[in-house]
Amino acid sequence: MTTALDGWTLTRRRLEQLRHQPGQIAGMLIFPAIMVVLFGFVFGSAIAVPGGGNYREYLMPGLFVMTSFSALSVTMLSVAGDHTRGVMDRFRALPMSRAAVPLGETGADVFGGLMSLAIMLACGYACGWRAHDGLWPTLGAIGVLVLFRYAVSWIGTYFGLLVKNDQTADQLAPLTLPVTMLSNAFVPTGGMPAWLRVICDWNPISATVAACRSLFGNPGVPAADAAWPLANPVTASLLWSLLLLAVFVPLSVRRFSQAGL
């Protein structure tokens, strides 16, 4: 209970900071619209969807997952910035749970992520994207996205504690883009070289994108003979998220506890 209360206190701290940073909020509003226009209308005319269908409907689940994956760079920059300003050292001197700071960072990111996802859903709806399979599958897809973002935010927290410098974190943040591109988020993996297709098919992002397409009823659902994560996307996405949490939650807590020694 003490850990949860301490974590909630630090979550509120981060949310209060966000409230006083209108530039960051504006970026959260503008970025989804830019992604939809750039990929949906600029690239969409040149890419065919397997089995037919509207490319923007195929694309939007990939953009939803890309937005969720951005939690890695967001939390890494936030944690590294606190390190640079000496805030982390002050937190270690306070009588609170060692898990409170990572919990606060990741908890605040979930709230910010829900805002970004809501904006992205609205942008997709305005551009013709629809969820076709009813309320419960739609809520299930949103749940998959939120869980994936929460798991990824723990990766960002760990690396933010590891690098300790906001300039270094800022230089590392663009490296998250290739991880997103090596997936089925924007193009089918069937036409890729065999070795690259294996990497893309087993990328956690690919499983999460396929799960969202399946639950939203959008084009591009993999065939039954696809790689296991794509043939069982919902199960694979949940397993990937739980595995990431099992690895990076203890790593982050341990890193925070030991960094001041």
Protein backbone atom coordinates (compact mmCIF):
# COMPACT_ATOMS: atom_id res chain seq x y z
CA MET A 1 0.00 0.00 0.00
CA THR A 2 2.84 2.39 0.81
CA THR A 3 4.48 1.66 -2.52
CA ALA A 4 1.21 2.31 -4.37
CA LEU A 5 0.61 5.60 -2.53
CA ASP A 6 4.15 6.80 -3.12
CA GLY A 7 3.89 5.84 -6.77
CA TRP A 8 0.58 7.70 -7.13
CA THR A 9 2.12 10.81 -5.55
CA LEU A 10 4.91 10.80 -8.14
CA THR A 11 2.42 10.10 -10.92
CA ARG A 12 0.53 13.25 -9.92
CA ARG A 13 3.81 15.16 -9.88
CA ARG A 14 4.52 14.21 -13.49
CA LEU A 15 0.96 15.01 -14.58
CA GLU A 16 1.21 18.44 -12.94
CA GLN A 17 4.40 19.07 -14.89
CA LEU A 18 2.63 18.11 -18.11
CA ARG A 19 -0.18 20.56 -17.32
CA HIS A 20 2.35 23.38 -17.22
CA GLN A 21 4.03 22.37 -20.52
CA PRO A 22 1.64 23.48 -23.29
CA GLY A 23 4.28 22.84 -25.96
CA GLN A 24 4.40 19.14 -25.12
CA ILE A 25 0.60 18.95 -25.13
CA ALA A 26 0.52 20.67 -28.53
CA GLY A 27 2.99 18.10 -29.84
CA MET A 28 0.74 15.30 -28.61
CA LEU A 29 -2.13 16.88 -30.56
CA ILE A 30 -0.25 17.55 -33.80
CA PHE A 31 1.88 14.39 -34.13
CA PRO A 32 -1.02 11.95 -34.72
CA ALA A 33 -2.50 14.12 -37.47
CA ILE A 34 0.89 14.39 -39.21
CA MET A 35 1.37 10.62 -39.10
CA VAL A 36 -2.07 9.94 -40.57
CA VAL A 37 -1.55 12.42 -43.42
CA LEU A 38 2.04 11.36 -44.13
CA PHE A 39 1.52 7.59 -44.19
CA GLY A 40 -2.16 7.37 -45.07
CA PHE A 41 -2.36 9.81 -47.95
CA VAL A 42 1.25 10.15 -49.17
CA PHE A 43 2.33 6.50 -49.02
CA GLY A 44 -1.11 4.90 -49.12
CA SER A 45 -1.59 5.20 -52.88
CA ALA A 46 1.56 3.13 -53.54
CA ILE A 47 0.95 0.22 -51.14
CA ALA A 48 -1.44 -2.66 -51.76
CA VAL A 49 -3.16 -4.36 -48.83
CA PRO A 50 -3.00 -8.20 -48.84
CA GLY A 51 -6.44 -9.51 -49.71
CA GLY A 52 -7.61 -6.03 -50.70
CA GLY A 53 -9.07 -3.26 -48.59
CA ASN A 54 -8.47 0.36 -47.74
CA TYR A 55 -4.84 1.10 -46.87
CA ARG A 56 -5.76 3.68 -44.22
CA GLU A 57 -7.79 1.04 -42.39
CA TYR A 58 -4.78 -1.27 -42.67
CA LEU A 59 -2.47 1.53 -41.50
CA MET A 60 -4.26 2.89 -38.43
CA PRO A 61 -3.57 -0.08 -36.10
CA GLY A 62 0.11 0.31 -36.99
CA LEU A 63 -0.02 3.99 -36.06
CA PHE A 64 -1.81 3.17 -32.81
CA VAL A 65 1.00 0.80 -31.87
CA MET A 66 3.65 3.26 -33.03
CA THR A 67 2.13 5.85 -30.68
CA SER A 68 2.21 3.31 -27.85
CA PHE A 69 5.83 2.43 -28.59
CA SER A 70 6.77 6.11 -28.31
CA ALA A 71 6.47 5.58 -24.54
CA LEU A 72 10.02 4.22 -24.62
CA SER A 73 11.57 7.51 -25.73
CA VAL A 74 9.13 9.65 -23.71
CA THR A 75 9.89 7.98 -20.38
CA MET A 76 13.61 7.65 -21.16
CA LEU A 77 13.87 11.40 -21.77
CA SER A 78 11.80 12.20 -18.68
CA VAL A 79 13.82 9.99 -16.33
CA ALA A 80 17.16 11.08 -17.80
CA GLY A 81 16.12 14.72 -17.45
CA ASP A 82 15.39 14.23 -13.74
CA HIS A 83 18.81 12.61 -13.38
CA THR A 84 20.53 15.56 -15.05
CA ARG A 85 18.77 18.07 -12.75
CA GLY A 86 19.61 16.07 -9.63
CA VAL A 87 15.97 15.23 -8.88
CA MET A 88 16.67 11.50 -8.67
CA ASP A 89 19.26 12.05 -5.95
CA ARG A 90 16.71 13.95 -3.90
CA PHE A 91 14.17 11.17 -4.37
CA ARG A 92 16.67 8.61 -3.08
CA ALA A 93 17.12 10.71 0.06
CA LEU A 94 13.39 10.66 0.83
CA PRO A 95 11.77 8.00 3.05
CA MET A 96 9.72 6.30 0.33
CA SER A 97 9.55 3.01 -1.52
CA ARG A 98 12.38 2.33 -3.96
CA ALA A 99 9.75 1.30 -6.54
CA ALA A 100 7.81 4.56 -6.25
CA VAL A 101 9.79 6.57 -8.80
CA PRO A 102 9.57 3.98 -11.62
CA LEU A 103 5.91 3.43 -10.79
CA GLY A 104 5.26 7.17 -10.92
CA GLU A 105 7.00 7.59 -14.27
CA THR A 106 5.23 4.67 -15.92
CA GLY A 107 1.87 5.52 -14.34
CA ALA A 108 2.02 9.09 -15.64
CA ASP A 109 2.93 7.83 -19.09
CA VAL A 110 -0.21 5.68 -19.18
CA PHE A 111 -2.36 8.79 -18.62
CA GLY A 112 -0.48 10.67 -21.35
CA GLY A 113 -0.72 7.63 -23.59
CA LEU A 114 -4.50 7.47 -23.21
CA MET A 115 -4.69 11.09 -24.33
CA SER A 116 -2.48 10.40 -27.37
CA LEU A 117 -4.48 7.28 -28.24
CA ALA A 118 -7.78 9.17 -28.02
CA ILE A 119 -6.44 11.81 -30.40
CA MET A 120 -5.14 9.16 -32.79
CA LEU A 121 -8.50 7.34 -32.74
CA ALA A 122 -10.26 10.62 -33.57
CA CYS A 123 -7.82 11.33 -36.42
CA GLY A 124 -8.33 7.85 -37.81
CA TYR A 125 -12.11 8.18 -37.61
CA ALA A 126 -11.96 11.50 -39.46
CA CYS A 127 -9.91 9.86 -42.24
CA GLY A 128 -12.31 6.95 -42.74
CA TRP A 129 -10.95 4.32 -40.34
CA ARG A 130 -13.57 2.31 -38.45
CA ALA A 131 -13.71 -0.46 -35.83
CA HIS A 132 -16.01 -3.05 -37.41
CA ASP A 133 -16.42 -5.81 -34.83
CA GLY A 134 -18.40 -4.14 -32.07
CA LEU A 135 -17.79 -2.65 -28.66
CA TRP A 136 -16.08 -5.47 -26.75
CA PRO A 137 -13.45 -6.33 -29.36
CA THR A 138 -12.77 -2.60 -29.70
CA LEU A 139 -12.26 -2.24 -25.95
CA GLY A 140 -10.07 -5.35 -26.07
CA ALA A 141 -7.86 -3.72 -28.72
CA ILE A 142 -7.57 -0.57 -26.62
CA GLY A 143 -6.64 -2.72 -23.62
CA VAL A 144 -3.92 -4.45 -25.66
CA LEU A 145 -2.53 -1.04 -26.67
CA VAL A 146 -2.54 0.31 -23.11
CA LEU A 147 -0.84 -2.79 -21.71
CA PHE A 148 1.79 -2.69 -24.46
CA ARG A 149 2.48 0.99 -23.80
CA TYR A 150 2.79 0.35 -20.07
CA ALA A 151 5.27 -2.46 -20.68
CA VAL A 152 7.32 -0.34 -23.10
CA SER A 153 7.38 2.58 -20.64
CA TRP A 154 9.27 0.35 -18.20
CA ILE A 155 11.93 -0.20 -20.88
CA GLY A 156 12.22 3.58 -21.23
CA THR A 157 12.44 4.00 -17.47
CA TYR A 158 15.27 1.50 -17.24
CA PHE A 159 17.27 3.10 -20.03
CA GLY A 160 16.62 6.56 -18.61
CA LEU A 161 18.08 5.40 -15.29
CA LEU A 162 20.95 3.79 -17.18
CA VAL A 163 22.09 6.76 -19.29
CA LYS A 164 21.42 9.42 -16.58
CA ASN A 165 21.87 12.26 -19.08
CA ASP A 166 19.11 13.97 -21.03
CA GLN A 167 21.38 14.82 -23.97
CA THR A 168 22.42 11.19 -24.36
CA ALA A 169 18.79 10.10 -24.08
CA ASP A 170 17.82 12.65 -26.72
CA GLN A 171 20.40 11.18 -29.11
CA LEU A 172 19.19 7.62 -28.44
CA ALA A 173 15.48 8.41 -28.87
CA PRO A 174 15.49 8.33 -32.74
CA LEU A 175 16.85 4.76 -32.59
CA THR A 176 13.36 3.60 -31.64
CA LEU A 177 12.12 4.37 -35.17
CA PRO A 178 13.92 1.44 -36.88
CA VAL A 179 12.36 -0.94 -34.34
CA THR A 180 8.93 0.28 -35.43
CA MET A 181 9.77 0.05 -39.12
CA LEU A 182 11.00 -3.56 -38.77
CA SER A 183 7.43 -4.78 -38.36
CA ASN A 184 4.14 -5.15 -40.20
CA ALA A 185 2.95 -1.73 -39.02
CA PHE A 186 3.16 -0.04 -42.43
CA VAL A 187 3.74 -2.75 -45.02
CA PRO A 188 3.09 -6.52 -45.22
CA THR A 189 6.04 -8.73 -44.35
CA GLY A 190 5.32 -11.31 -47.05
CA GLY A 191 7.47 -9.63 -49.68
CA MET A 192 10.53 -9.23 -47.45
CA PRO A 193 13.65 -11.44 -47.63
CA ALA A 194 13.23 -14.57 -45.51
CA TRP A 195 15.75 -13.54 -42.81
CA LEU A 196 14.20 -10.08 -42.47
CA ARG A 197 10.67 -11.47 -42.45
CA VAL A 198 11.52 -13.67 -39.45
CA ILE A 199 12.78 -10.64 -37.52
CA CYS A 200 9.69 -8.61 -38.40
CA ASP A 201 7.22 -11.42 -37.66
CA TRP A 202 8.70 -11.99 -34.19
CA ASN A 203 8.89 -8.30 -33.35
CA PRO A 204 6.49 -7.58 -30.44
CA ILE A 205 5.22 -4.60 -32.42
CA SER A 206 4.08 -6.90 -35.24
CA ALA A 207 2.10 -9.10 -32.85
CA THR A 208 0.43 -6.07 -31.27
CA VAL A 209 -0.42 -4.55 -34.66
CA ALA A 210 -1.88 -7.86 -35.85
CA ALA A 211 -3.89 -8.15 -32.62
CA CYS A 212 -5.37 -4.69 -33.15
CA ARG A 213 -6.24 -5.42 -36.79
CA SER A 214 -7.94 -8.63 -35.71
CA LEU A 215 -9.90 -7.02 -32.87
CA PHE A 216 -10.83 -3.87 -34.82
CA GLY A 217 -11.82 -5.95 -37.87
CA ASN A 218 -9.43 -4.10 -40.17
CA PRO A 219 -7.73 -5.47 -43.34
CA GLY A 220 -4.43 -7.31 -43.16
CA VAL A 221 -5.24 -10.10 -40.69
CA PRO A 222 -2.51 -12.75 -41.26
CA ALA A 223 -3.27 -16.14 -42.72
CA ALA A 224 -3.41 -19.20 -40.48
CA ASP A 225 -0.04 -20.44 -41.79
CA ALA A 226 1.78 -17.25 -40.76
CA ALA A 227 4.45 -17.21 -38.05
CA TRP A 228 3.05 -18.13 -34.63
CA PRO A 229 2.94 -14.55 -33.21
CA LEU A 230 0.93 -13.41 -36.23
CA ALA A 231 -1.33 -16.45 -36.37
CA ASN A 232 -2.13 -15.97 -32.65
CA PRO A 233 -1.70 -12.20 -32.35
CA VAL A 234 -3.75 -11.43 -29.25
CA THR A 235 -2.10 -14.18 -27.22
CA ALA A 236 1.35 -13.26 -28.54
CA SER A 237 0.87 -9.56 -27.80
CA LEU A 238 -0.22 -10.24 -24.22
CA LEU A 239 2.69 -12.63 -23.68
CA TRP A 240 5.19 -10.10 -25.06
CA SER A 241 3.84 -7.36 -22.78
CA LEU A 242 3.93 -9.59 -19.71
CA LEU A 243 7.45 -10.76 -20.57
CA LEU A 244 8.68 -7.16 -20.92
CA LEU A 245 7.11 -6.29 -17.56
CA ALA A 246 8.65 -9.35 -15.90
CA VAL A 247 12.10 -8.32 -17.15
CA PHE A 248 12.15 -4.54 -16.88
CA VAL A 249 10.12 -3.90 -13.70
CA PRO A 250 12.72 -5.55 -11.41
CA LEU A 251 15.58 -4.17 -13.52
CA SER A 252 14.26 -0.61 -13.21
CA VAL A 253 13.63 -0.85 -9.47
CA ARG A 254 17.05 -2.36 -8.89
CA ARG A 255 18.74 0.26 -11.06
CA PHE A 256 17.06 3.11 -9.18
CA SER A 257 18.01 1.60 -5.83
CA GLN A 258 21.65 1.00 -6.72
CA ALA A 259 22.44 4.05 -8.84
CA GLY A 260 22.98 6.22 -5.78
CA LEU A 261 25.36 3.82 -4.07
